[in-house]
Amino acid sequence: MPKFKIGDQIKYNPGHYDVEYGFITKVKESNESAFCRFWSNYQGGQLRTMTNSESCNFRDIKKCNTNIPQVTIDAWLKHLGYNKEEATND
């Protein structure tokens, strides 16, 4: 069972940056990383960027409730063309 899956809500804290909140779009178990999208600090329920996901090491992300309804995350995943049923992309 993977540690993370597509659609998991997360907080990202690499230690030397502010904490960011978002969700997972792809999982790479082989190198213990996930690609994530992050919420805008200025527009609730909107993504910080529409162009790409960002690679994050498992050690820097934790599952959490981001106070964004899961149905909103699922809608973003569908809009962006991600398949939530894929557990990993190794």
C-alpha atoms as a PDB file:
ATOM      1  CA  MET A   1       0.000   0.000   0.000  1.00  0.00           C
ATOM      2  CA  PRO A   2       1.515   3.348  -1.002  1.00  0.00           C
ATOM      3  CA  LYS A   3       2.190   5.929   1.661  1.00  0.00           C
ATOM      4  CA  PHE A   4       0.410   8.576  -0.415  1.00  0.00           C
ATOM      5  CA  LYS A   5      -2.129   8.494  -3.227  1.00  0.00           C
ATOM      6  CA  ILE A   6      -3.480  10.880  -5.841  1.00  0.00           C
ATOM      7  CA  GLY A   7      -5.903  13.329  -4.251  1.00  0.00           C
ATOM      8  CA  ASP A   8      -4.462  13.177  -0.722  1.00  0.00           C
ATOM      9  CA  GLN A   9      -4.557  16.568   0.979  1.00  0.00           C
ATOM     10  CA  ILE A  10      -1.126  17.564   2.246  1.00  0.00           C
ATOM     11  CA  LYS A  11       0.951  20.197   3.943  1.00  0.00           C
ATOM     12  CA  TYR A  12       4.453  20.761   2.601  1.00  0.00           C
ATOM     13  CA  ASN A  13       7.257  21.970   4.828  1.00  0.00           C
ATOM     14  CA  PRO A  14      10.792  21.462   3.514  1.00  0.00           C
ATOM     15  CA  GLY A  15      12.176  23.067   6.669  1.00  0.00           C
ATOM     16  CA  HIS A  16      13.424  26.367   5.324  1.00  0.00           C
ATOM     17  CA  TYR A  17      10.251  27.664   3.641  1.00  0.00           C
ATOM     18  CA  ASP A  18       6.785  28.553   4.818  1.00  0.00           C
ATOM     19  CA  VAL A  19       4.284  25.713   5.025  1.00  0.00           C
ATOM     20  CA  GLU A  20       2.165  25.271   1.907  1.00  0.00           C
ATOM     21  CA  TYR A  21      -1.084  23.341   1.565  1.00  0.00           C
ATOM     22  CA  GLY A  22      -2.256  21.381  -1.443  1.00  0.00           C
ATOM     23  CA  PHE A  23      -2.880  17.911  -2.824  1.00  0.00           C
ATOM     24  CA  ILE A  24      -1.024  15.096  -4.563  1.00  0.00           C
ATOM     25  CA  THR A  25      -1.276  14.650  -8.329  1.00  0.00           C
ATOM     26  CA  LYS A  26       1.264  11.816  -8.855  1.00  0.00           C
ATOM     27  CA  VAL A  27       3.233   9.441  -6.635  1.00  0.00           C
ATOM     28  CA  LYS A  28       6.720   8.068  -7.340  1.00  0.00           C
ATOM     29  CA  GLU A  29       7.291   5.306  -4.775  1.00  0.00           C
ATOM     30  CA  SER A  30      10.668   4.395  -6.301  1.00  0.00           C
ATOM     31  CA  ASN A  31      12.272   7.673  -5.246  1.00  0.00           C
ATOM     32  CA  GLU A  32       9.910   8.485  -2.361  1.00  0.00           C
ATOM     33  CA  SER A  33       8.448  11.611  -3.893  1.00  0.00           C
ATOM     34  CA  ALA A  34       5.124  12.994  -4.992  1.00  0.00           C
ATOM     35  CA  PHE A  35       4.058  15.686  -7.405  1.00  0.00           C
ATOM     36  CA  CYS A  36       1.802  18.222  -5.740  1.00  0.00           C
ATOM     37  CA  ARG A  37      -0.348  21.244  -6.540  1.00  0.00           C
ATOM     38  CA  PHE A  38      -0.631  24.026  -3.992  1.00  0.00           C
ATOM     39  CA  TRP A  39      -3.430  26.386  -3.054  1.00  0.00           C
ATOM     40  CA  SER A  40      -3.186  30.104  -3.660  1.00  0.00           C
ATOM     41  CA  ASN A  41      -2.641  32.197  -0.539  1.00  0.00           C
ATOM     42  CA  TYR A  42      -4.756  34.926  -2.136  1.00  0.00           C
ATOM     43  CA  GLN A  43      -7.748  33.154  -3.705  1.00  0.00           C
ATOM     44  CA  GLY A  44      -9.491  30.470  -1.667  1.00  0.00           C
ATOM     45  CA  GLY A  45     -10.050  27.214  -3.533  1.00  0.00           C
ATOM     46  CA  GLN A  46      -7.831  28.324  -6.432  1.00  0.00           C
ATOM     47  CA  LEU A  47      -4.472  26.844  -7.359  1.00  0.00           C
ATOM     48  CA  ARG A  48      -1.269  28.845  -6.984  1.00  0.00           C
ATOM     49  CA  THR A  49      -0.262  27.911 -10.525  1.00  0.00           C
ATOM     50  CA  MET A  50      -2.056  26.248 -13.404  1.00  0.00           C
ATOM     51  CA  THR A  51       1.070  25.263 -15.348  1.00  0.00           C
ATOM     52  CA  ASN A  52       2.630  22.389 -13.395  1.00  0.00           C
ATOM     53  CA  SER A  53       2.861  20.231 -10.289  1.00  0.00           C
ATOM     54  CA  GLU A  54       5.924  20.390  -8.070  1.00  0.00           C
ATOM     55  CA  SER A  55       8.052  17.449  -6.939  1.00  0.00           C
ATOM     56  CA  CYS A  56       8.169  17.012  -3.154  1.00  0.00           C
ATOM     57  CA  ASN A  57      10.062  14.444  -1.091  1.00  0.00           C
ATOM     58  CA  PHE A  58       7.929  12.230   1.158  1.00  0.00           C
ATOM     59  CA  ARG A  59       9.877  13.442   4.203  1.00  0.00           C
ATOM     60  CA  ASP A  60       8.650  17.006   3.587  1.00  0.00           C
ATOM     61  CA  ILE A  61       4.931  16.280   3.156  1.00  0.00           C
ATOM     62  CA  LYS A  62       2.319  15.174   5.642  1.00  0.00           C
ATOM     63  CA  LYS A  63      -1.305  14.199   5.089  1.00  0.00           C
ATOM     64  CA  CYS A  64      -3.695  16.748   6.573  1.00  0.00           C
ATOM     65  CA  ASN A  65      -7.092  18.350   6.148  1.00  0.00           C
ATOM     66  CA  THR A  66      -6.580  21.546   4.144  1.00  0.00           C
ATOM     67  CA  ASN A  67     -10.153  22.762   4.818  1.00  0.00           C
ATOM     68  CA  ILE A  68     -10.840  22.471   1.096  1.00  0.00           C
ATOM     69  CA  PRO A  69     -13.630  19.940   0.469  1.00  0.00           C
ATOM     70  CA  GLN A  70     -12.422  16.714  -1.157  1.00  0.00           C
ATOM     71  CA  VAL A  71     -15.044  17.197  -3.874  1.00  0.00           C
ATOM     72  CA  THR A  72     -13.219  20.419  -4.878  1.00  0.00           C
ATOM     73  CA  ILE A  73      -9.901  18.578  -5.077  1.00  0.00           C
ATOM     74  CA  ASP A  74     -11.518  15.813  -7.127  1.00  0.00           C
ATOM     75  CA  ALA A  75     -12.937  18.431  -9.511  1.00  0.00           C
ATOM     76  CA  TRP A  76      -9.473  20.035  -9.922  1.00  0.00           C
ATOM     77  CA  LEU A  77      -7.911  16.636 -10.590  1.00  0.00           C
ATOM     78  CA  LYS A  78     -10.500  15.924 -13.278  1.00  0.00           C
ATOM     79  CA  HIS A  79     -10.126  19.405 -14.797  1.00  0.00           C
ATOM     80  CA  LEU A  80      -6.328  19.006 -14.933  1.00  0.00           C
ATOM     81  CA  GLY A  81      -6.569  15.524 -16.488  1.00  0.00           C
ATOM     82  CA  TYR A  82      -5.337  13.397 -13.587  1.00  0.00           C
ATOM     83  CA  ASN A  83      -6.670   9.904 -12.911  1.00  0.00           C
ATOM     84  CA  LYS A  84      -7.379   9.609  -9.189  1.00  0.00           C
ATOM     85  CA  GLU A  85      -7.621   5.822  -9.480  1.00  0.00           C
ATOM     86  CA  GLU A  86      -3.893   5.537 -10.280  1.00  0.00           C
ATOM     87  CA  ALA A  87      -2.087   4.788  -7.017  1.00  0.00           C
ATOM     88  CA  THR A  88       1.466   5.270  -8.264  1.00  0.00           C
ATOM     89  CA  ASN A  89       3.243   6.251 -11.450  1.00  0.00           C
ATOM     90  CA  ASP A  90       6.428   4.169 -11.204  1.00  0.00           C
END
